[in-house]
C-alpha atoms as a PDB file:
ATOM      1  CA  UNK A   1      36.408  61.520   4.759  1.00  0.00           C
ATOM      2  CA  UNK A   2      32.742  62.389   5.253  1.00  0.00           C
ATOM      3  CA  UNK A   3      30.261  64.331   3.133  1.00  0.00           C
ATOM      4  CA  UNK A   4      28.768  67.741   3.831  1.00  0.00           C
ATOM      5  CA  UNK A   5      25.144  67.486   4.997  1.00  0.00           C
ATOM      6  CA  UNK A   6      24.189  70.482   2.849  1.00  0.00           C
ATOM      7  CA  UNK A   7      25.951  69.915  -0.461  1.00  0.00           C
ATOM      8  CA  UNK A   8      27.304  66.338  -0.267  1.00  0.00           C
ATOM      9  CA  UNK A   9      30.794  67.561  -1.102  1.00  0.00           C
ATOM     10  CA  UNK A  10      33.644  65.761   0.671  1.00  0.00           C
ATOM     11  CA  UNK A  11      34.886  67.221   3.930  1.00  0.00           C
ATOM     12  CA  UNK A  12      38.486  66.799   5.022  1.00  0.00           C
ATOM     13  CA  UNK A  13      37.553  66.137   8.642  1.00  0.00           C
ATOM     14  CA  UNK A  14      34.701  64.369  10.425  1.00  0.00           C
ATOM     15  CA  UNK A  15      32.550  67.522  10.391  1.00  0.00           C
ATOM     16  CA  UNK A  16      28.926  67.396   9.288  1.00  0.00           C
ATOM     17  CA  UNK A  17      29.353  70.509   7.126  1.00  0.00           C
ATOM     18  CA  UNK A  18      32.103  71.587   4.746  1.00  0.00           C
ATOM     19  CA  UNK A  19      34.043  74.771   5.437  1.00  0.00           C
ATOM     20  CA  UNK A  20      32.068  76.599   2.745  1.00  0.00           C
ATOM     21  CA  UNK A  21      28.828  75.985   4.643  1.00  0.00           C
ATOM     22  CA  UNK A  22      30.305  76.416   8.137  1.00  0.00           C
ATOM     23  CA  UNK A  23      31.532  79.947   7.415  1.00  0.00           C
ATOM     24  CA  UNK A  24      29.809  81.004   4.190  1.00  0.00           C
ATOM     25  CA  UNK A  25      28.868  84.573   5.059  1.00  0.00           C
ATOM     26  CA  UNK A  26      30.814  85.563   8.145  1.00  0.00           C
ATOM     27  CA  UNK A  27      30.477  89.252   7.281  1.00  0.00           C
ATOM     28  CA  UNK A  28      26.760  89.022   6.410  1.00  0.00           C
ATOM     29  CA  UNK A  29      24.850  87.339   9.239  1.00  0.00           C
ATOM     30  CA  UNK A  30      21.438  87.767   7.594  1.00  0.00           C
ATOM     31  CA  UNK A  31      22.469  86.003   4.362  1.00  0.00           C
ATOM     32  CA  UNK A  32      23.974  83.093   6.306  1.00  0.00           C
ATOM     33  CA  UNK A  33      20.868  82.868   8.464  1.00  0.00           C
ATOM     34  CA  UNK A  34      18.577  82.752   5.406  1.00  0.00           C
ATOM     35  CA  UNK A  35      20.663  79.945   3.887  1.00  0.00           C
ATOM     36  CA  UNK A  36      20.482  77.881   7.070  1.00  0.00           C
ATOM     37  CA  UNK A  37      16.743  78.548   7.517  1.00  0.00           C
ATOM     38  CA  UNK A  38      16.089  77.520   3.914  1.00  0.00           C
ATOM     39  CA  UNK A  39      17.943  74.261   4.552  1.00  0.00           C
ATOM     40  CA  UNK A  40      16.507  73.438   7.989  1.00  0.00           C
ATOM     41  CA  UNK A  41      12.895  74.509   7.444  1.00  0.00           C
ATOM     42  CA  UNK A  42      12.382  74.198   3.692  1.00  0.00           C
ATOM     43  CA  UNK A  43      14.934  71.590   2.615  1.00  0.00           C
ATOM     44  CA  UNK A  44      16.481  73.981   0.086  1.00  0.00           C
ATOM     45  CA  UNK A  45      20.191  73.386  -0.550  1.00  0.00           C
ATOM     46  CA  UNK A  46      22.136  76.136  -2.339  1.00  0.00           C
ATOM     47  CA  UNK A  47      24.258  74.939  -5.240  1.00  0.00           C
ATOM     48  CA  UNK A  48      28.021  75.129  -4.945  1.00  0.00           C
ATOM     49  CA  UNK A  49      29.777  77.611  -7.204  1.00  0.00           C
ATOM     50  CA  UNK A  50      31.437  76.151 -10.328  1.00  0.00           C
ATOM     51  CA  UNK A  51      34.879  77.263  -9.116  1.00  0.00           C
ATOM     52  CA  UNK A  52      34.380  75.463  -5.820  1.00  0.00           C
ATOM     53  CA  UNK A  53      33.091  72.331  -7.511  1.00  0.00           C
ATOM     54  CA  UNK A  54      36.098  72.253  -9.862  1.00  0.00           C
ATOM     55  CA  UNK A  55      38.510  72.661  -6.950  1.00  0.00           C
ATOM     56  CA  UNK A  56      36.807  69.881  -4.999  1.00  0.00           C
ATOM     57  CA  UNK A  57      36.835  67.539  -7.991  1.00  0.00           C
ATOM     58  CA  UNK A  58      40.579  68.128  -8.383  1.00  0.00           C
ATOM     59  CA  UNK A  59      41.105  67.414  -4.691  1.00  0.00           C
ATOM     60  CA  UNK A  60      39.039  64.221  -4.809  1.00  0.00           C
ATOM     61  CA  UNK A  61      40.887  63.020  -7.926  1.00  0.00           C
ATOM     62  CA  UNK A  62      44.224  63.666  -6.192  1.00  0.00           C
ATOM     63  CA  UNK A  63      43.097  61.787  -3.103  1.00  0.00           C
ATOM     64  CA  UNK A  64      41.852  58.889  -5.219  1.00  0.00           C
ATOM     65  CA  UNK A  65      45.231  58.650  -6.972  1.00  0.00           C
ATOM     66  CA  UNK A  66      47.032  58.552  -3.627  1.00  0.00           C
ATOM     67  CA  UNK A  67      44.695  55.896  -2.249  1.00  0.00           C
ATOM     68  CA  UNK A  68      44.952  53.722  -5.360  1.00  0.00           C
ATOM     69  CA  UNK A  69      48.757  53.822  -5.591  1.00  0.00           C
END
């Protein structure tokens, strides 16, 4: 498991970005472009939503339990 380059959340594959940041605004190109420009040129990383963070924490806890047992 690797970590997303934008938000440091775990990724399930060897990708550099999590799915949230790979396809965040598929229907709104301008919003996605602004997010990427903020990251690349200004070093600004948008915060993950609380719902997403909770879901990822649950996933990581589940994976930890499997790895430990």
